[in-house]
Amino acid sequence: MCFSERLRTLRKQSPLTQKDIAAKIGVSPRTFQQYELGKIEPNIEKLILLSHIFHVTIDFLVCRDEYFAEADAVESEINLPKHPNA
């Protein structure tokens, strides 16, 4: 559910409407509404467009930033080497 919540929050913080964003990424307003409700998820092409519109990373949109923060905390607790993408 994290993606849908982030998407809704980002949209509400912007001056854009659901209809505006839907048009920018080439989907119907109903499809965009379903993204925000967590009923469906966009493909990678749409994620890239959304990340550009909101000036955030795809990792942020799909909540991977939280995943890496948790993984870093676990690694430091048990003295594991950092993941290679760090």
N, C-alpha and C. Protein backbone atom coordinates (compact mmCIF):
# COMPACT_ATOMS: atom_id res chain seq x y z
N MET A 1 0.80 -1.21 0.00
CA MET A 1 0.00 0.00 0.00
C MET A 1 0.84 1.27 0.00
N CYS A 2 2.09 1.14 0.28
CA CYS A 2 2.95 2.31 0.41
C CYS A 2 2.95 3.16 -0.88
N PHE A 3 3.03 2.51 -2.03
CA PHE A 3 3.07 3.26 -3.29
C PHE A 3 1.84 4.15 -3.43
N SER A 4 0.67 3.58 -3.22
CA SER A 4 -0.56 4.35 -3.41
C SER A 4 -0.63 5.53 -2.44
N GLU A 5 -0.19 5.33 -1.22
CA GLU A 5 -0.19 6.41 -0.23
C GLU A 5 0.79 7.52 -0.62
N ARG A 6 1.98 7.12 -1.07
CA ARG A 6 2.96 8.13 -1.50
C ARG A 6 2.45 8.90 -2.71
N LEU A 7 1.87 8.19 -3.65
CA LEU A 7 1.36 8.84 -4.85
C LEU A 7 0.28 9.87 -4.49
N ARG A 8 -0.64 9.47 -3.64
CA ARG A 8 -1.71 10.38 -3.22
C ARG A 8 -1.13 11.61 -2.51
N THR A 9 -0.18 11.38 -1.62
CA THR A 9 0.43 12.49 -0.89
C THR A 9 1.15 13.45 -1.83
N LEU A 10 1.93 12.91 -2.76
CA LEU A 10 2.65 13.75 -3.71
C LEU A 10 1.69 14.57 -4.56
N ARG A 11 0.62 13.93 -5.00
CA ARG A 11 -0.35 14.66 -5.83
C ARG A 11 -1.01 15.79 -5.03
N LYS A 12 -1.38 15.51 -3.80
CA LYS A 12 -2.04 16.52 -2.99
C LYS A 12 -1.11 17.69 -2.66
N GLN A 13 0.19 17.43 -2.62
CA GLN A 13 1.16 18.49 -2.36
C GLN A 13 1.45 19.31 -3.61
N SER A 14 1.03 18.82 -4.76
CA SER A 14 1.28 19.52 -6.02
C SER A 14 0.03 20.29 -6.42
N PRO A 15 0.17 21.16 -7.39
CA PRO A 15 -1.01 21.88 -7.89
C PRO A 15 -1.80 21.05 -8.91
N LEU A 16 -1.35 19.84 -9.21
CA LEU A 16 -1.98 19.02 -10.25
C LEU A 16 -3.15 18.21 -9.72
N THR A 17 -4.12 17.98 -10.59
CA THR A 17 -5.27 17.13 -10.26
C THR A 17 -4.99 15.71 -10.75
N GLN A 18 -5.84 14.78 -10.33
CA GLN A 18 -5.73 13.42 -10.85
C GLN A 18 -5.84 13.42 -12.37
N LYS A 19 -6.74 14.21 -12.88
CA LYS A 19 -6.95 14.29 -14.33
C LYS A 19 -5.69 14.83 -15.03
N ASP A 20 -5.06 15.85 -14.45
CA ASP A 20 -3.84 16.42 -15.03
C ASP A 20 -2.74 15.36 -15.13
N ILE A 21 -2.53 14.66 -14.03
CA ILE A 21 -1.45 13.67 -13.99
C ILE A 21 -1.75 12.51 -14.92
N ALA A 22 -3.01 12.07 -14.92
CA ALA A 22 -3.40 10.99 -15.82
C ALA A 22 -3.08 11.34 -17.27
N ALA A 23 -3.39 12.58 -17.66
CA ALA A 23 -3.11 13.01 -19.03
C ALA A 23 -1.61 13.02 -19.31
N LYS A 24 -0.83 13.46 -18.33
CA LYS A 24 0.63 13.53 -18.52
C LYS A 24 1.26 12.16 -18.70
N ILE A 25 0.69 11.13 -18.05
CA ILE A 25 1.30 9.80 -18.15
C ILE A 25 0.55 8.89 -19.13
N GLY A 26 -0.51 9.42 -19.74
CA GLY A 26 -1.20 8.66 -20.79
C GLY A 26 -2.13 7.57 -20.29
N VAL A 27 -2.80 7.82 -19.17
CA VAL A 27 -3.80 6.88 -18.68
C VAL A 27 -5.09 7.64 -18.43
N SER A 28 -6.17 6.91 -18.24
CA SER A 28 -7.45 7.55 -17.94
C SER A 28 -7.44 8.05 -16.49
N PRO A 29 -8.26 9.05 -16.19
CA PRO A 29 -8.37 9.49 -14.81
C PRO A 29 -8.78 8.34 -13.88
N ARG A 30 -9.63 7.46 -14.36
CA ARG A 30 -10.06 6.29 -13.56
C ARG A 30 -8.87 5.39 -13.23
N THR A 31 -8.00 5.16 -14.19
CA THR A 31 -6.82 4.33 -13.95
C THR A 31 -5.93 4.99 -12.90
N PHE A 32 -5.73 6.30 -13.02
CA PHE A 32 -4.90 6.99 -12.03
C PHE A 32 -5.55 6.90 -10.65
N GLN A 33 -6.84 7.04 -10.59
CA GLN A 33 -7.56 6.92 -9.32
C GLN A 33 -7.33 5.53 -8.72
N GLN A 34 -7.32 4.52 -9.55
CA GLN A 34 -7.07 3.16 -9.06
C GLN A 34 -5.64 3.00 -8.55
N TYR A 35 -4.68 3.71 -9.14
CA TYR A 35 -3.31 3.72 -8.60
C TYR A 35 -3.34 4.26 -7.17
N GLU A 36 -4.03 5.38 -6.98
CA GLU A 36 -4.09 6.00 -5.65
C GLU A 36 -4.84 5.16 -4.64
N LEU A 37 -5.78 4.37 -5.09
CA LEU A 37 -6.54 3.51 -4.18
C LEU A 37 -5.83 2.18 -3.91
N GLY A 38 -4.75 1.93 -4.62
CA GLY A 38 -4.00 0.69 -4.43
C GLY A 38 -4.64 -0.52 -5.08
N LYS A 39 -5.55 -0.29 -6.02
CA LYS A 39 -6.23 -1.39 -6.69
C LYS A 39 -5.39 -1.96 -7.84
N ILE A 40 -4.63 -1.10 -8.50
CA ILE A 40 -3.70 -1.53 -9.55
C ILE A 40 -2.41 -0.75 -9.39
N GLU A 41 -1.36 -1.24 -10.04
CA GLU A 41 -0.06 -0.56 -10.00
C GLU A 41 0.40 -0.25 -11.41
N PRO A 42 1.10 0.85 -11.58
CA PRO A 42 1.57 1.22 -12.92
C PRO A 42 2.75 0.36 -13.35
N ASN A 43 2.94 0.30 -14.67
CA ASN A 43 4.12 -0.39 -15.19
C ASN A 43 5.34 0.52 -15.03
N ILE A 44 6.50 0.01 -15.38
CA ILE A 44 7.74 0.76 -15.17
C ILE A 44 7.75 2.07 -15.97
N GLU A 45 7.19 2.05 -17.16
CA GLU A 45 7.14 3.28 -17.98
C GLU A 45 6.37 4.38 -17.24
N LYS A 46 5.25 4.01 -16.66
CA LYS A 46 4.43 5.00 -15.93
C LYS A 46 5.14 5.44 -14.65
N LEU A 47 5.83 4.51 -13.97
CA LEU A 47 6.59 4.87 -12.78
C LEU A 47 7.66 5.91 -13.10
N ILE A 48 8.33 5.71 -14.22
CA ILE A 48 9.37 6.66 -14.64
C ILE A 48 8.74 8.05 -14.87
N LEU A 49 7.63 8.08 -15.58
CA LEU A 49 6.95 9.36 -15.82
C LEU A 49 6.51 10.01 -14.52
N LEU A 50 5.96 9.23 -13.60
CA LEU A 50 5.54 9.78 -12.31
C LEU A 50 6.73 10.33 -11.53
N SER A 51 7.85 9.62 -11.58
CA SER A 51 9.03 10.10 -10.86
C SER A 51 9.52 11.43 -11.42
N HIS A 52 9.40 11.61 -12.72
CA HIS A 52 9.79 12.88 -13.34
C HIS A 52 8.81 14.00 -12.97
N ILE A 53 7.54 13.69 -12.98
CA ILE A 53 6.52 14.71 -12.64
C ILE A 53 6.73 15.23 -11.23
N PHE A 54 6.98 14.31 -10.29
CA PHE A 54 7.09 14.70 -8.89
C PHE A 54 8.53 14.96 -8.43
N HIS A 55 9.49 14.78 -9.32
CA HIS A 55 10.91 15.01 -9.00
C HIS A 55 11.37 14.16 -7.82
N VAL A 56 11.01 12.87 -7.87
CA VAL A 56 11.44 11.91 -6.86
C VAL A 56 11.99 10.68 -7.57
N THR A 57 12.67 9.84 -6.83
CA THR A 57 13.17 8.60 -7.43
C THR A 57 12.08 7.55 -7.47
N ILE A 58 12.27 6.58 -8.33
CA ILE A 58 11.35 5.44 -8.36
C ILE A 58 11.43 4.70 -7.03
N ASP A 59 12.63 4.57 -6.47
CA ASP A 59 12.77 3.93 -5.15
C ASP A 59 11.89 4.62 -4.12
N PHE A 60 11.84 5.94 -4.14
CA PHE A 60 10.98 6.66 -3.20
C PHE A 60 9.52 6.33 -3.47
N LEU A 61 9.11 6.36 -4.74
CA LEU A 61 7.71 6.09 -5.08
C LEU A 61 7.25 4.71 -4.60
N VAL A 62 8.12 3.72 -4.74
CA VAL A 62 7.72 2.35 -4.38
C VAL A 62 8.21 1.95 -2.99
N CYS A 63 8.64 2.95 -2.22
CA CYS A 63 9.00 2.78 -0.81
C CYS A 63 10.25 1.93 -0.58
N ARG A 64 11.11 1.85 -1.54
CA ARG A 64 12.36 1.11 -1.35
C ARG A 64 13.33 1.89 -0.48
N ASP A 65 13.14 3.19 -0.33
CA ASP A 65 14.00 3.97 0.56
C ASP A 65 13.86 3.46 1.99
N GLU A 66 12.66 3.06 2.39
CA GLU A 66 12.44 2.49 3.72
C GLU A 66 13.10 1.12 3.83
N TYR A 67 13.03 0.34 2.75
CA TYR A 67 13.66 -0.98 2.75
C TYR A 67 15.16 -0.86 2.99
N PHE A 68 15.81 0.07 2.30
CA PHE A 68 17.25 0.22 2.47
C PHE A 68 17.61 0.73 3.86
N ALA A 69 16.80 1.61 4.42
CA ALA A 69 17.06 2.10 5.78
C ALA A 69 16.98 0.96 6.78
N GLU A 70 15.97 0.09 6.63
CA GLU A 70 15.83 -1.05 7.53
C GLU A 70 16.98 -2.04 7.33
N ALA A 71 17.36 -2.29 6.09
CA ALA A 71 18.45 -3.22 5.81
C ALA A 71 19.76 -2.70 6.39
N ASP A 72 20.01 -1.40 6.28
CA ASP A 72 21.22 -0.81 6.84
C ASP A 72 21.25 -0.97 8.36
N ALA A 73 20.10 -0.80 9.00
CA ALA A 73 20.03 -0.94 10.46
C ALA A 73 20.34 -2.37 10.88
N VAL A 74 19.80 -3.34 10.17
CA VAL A 74 20.06 -4.74 10.49
C VAL A 74 21.53 -5.08 10.25
N GLU A 75 22.09 -4.62 9.13
CA GLU A 75 23.49 -4.89 8.82
C GLU A 75 24.41 -4.32 9.90
N SER A 76 24.13 -3.12 10.38
CA SER A 76 25.00 -2.52 11.39
C SER A 76 24.88 -3.24 12.72
N GLU A 77 23.70 -3.79 13.03
CA GLU A 77 23.50 -4.52 14.27
C GLU A 77 24.30 -5.82 14.30
N ILE A 78 24.40 -6.49 13.16
CA ILE A 78 25.09 -7.78 13.16
C ILE A 78 26.42 -7.73 12.41
N ASN A 79 26.88 -6.52 12.14
CA ASN A 79 28.19 -6.29 11.51
C ASN A 79 28.36 -6.99 10.18
N LEU A 80 27.33 -6.98 9.36
CA LEU A 80 27.43 -7.51 8.01
C LEU A 80 28.02 -6.45 7.11
N PRO A 81 28.69 -6.84 6.03
CA PRO A 81 29.16 -5.84 5.08
C PRO A 81 27.96 -5.16 4.42
N LYS A 82 28.15 -3.93 4.03
CA LYS A 82 27.09 -3.17 3.37
C LYS A 82 26.70 -3.84 2.06
N HIS A 83 25.41 -3.66 1.67
CA HIS A 83 24.97 -4.21 0.40
C HIS A 83 25.74 -3.50 -0.72
N PRO A 84 25.99 -4.20 -1.83
CA PRO A 84 26.87 -3.66 -2.88
C PRO A 84 26.34 -2.42 -3.55
N ASN A 85 25.07 -2.12 -3.49
CA ASN A 85 24.51 -0.95 -4.15
C ASN A 85 24.51 0.28 -3.26
N ALA A 86 25.09 0.17 -2.08
CA ALA A 86 25.09 1.30 -1.14
C ALA A 86 26.09 2.35 -1.53
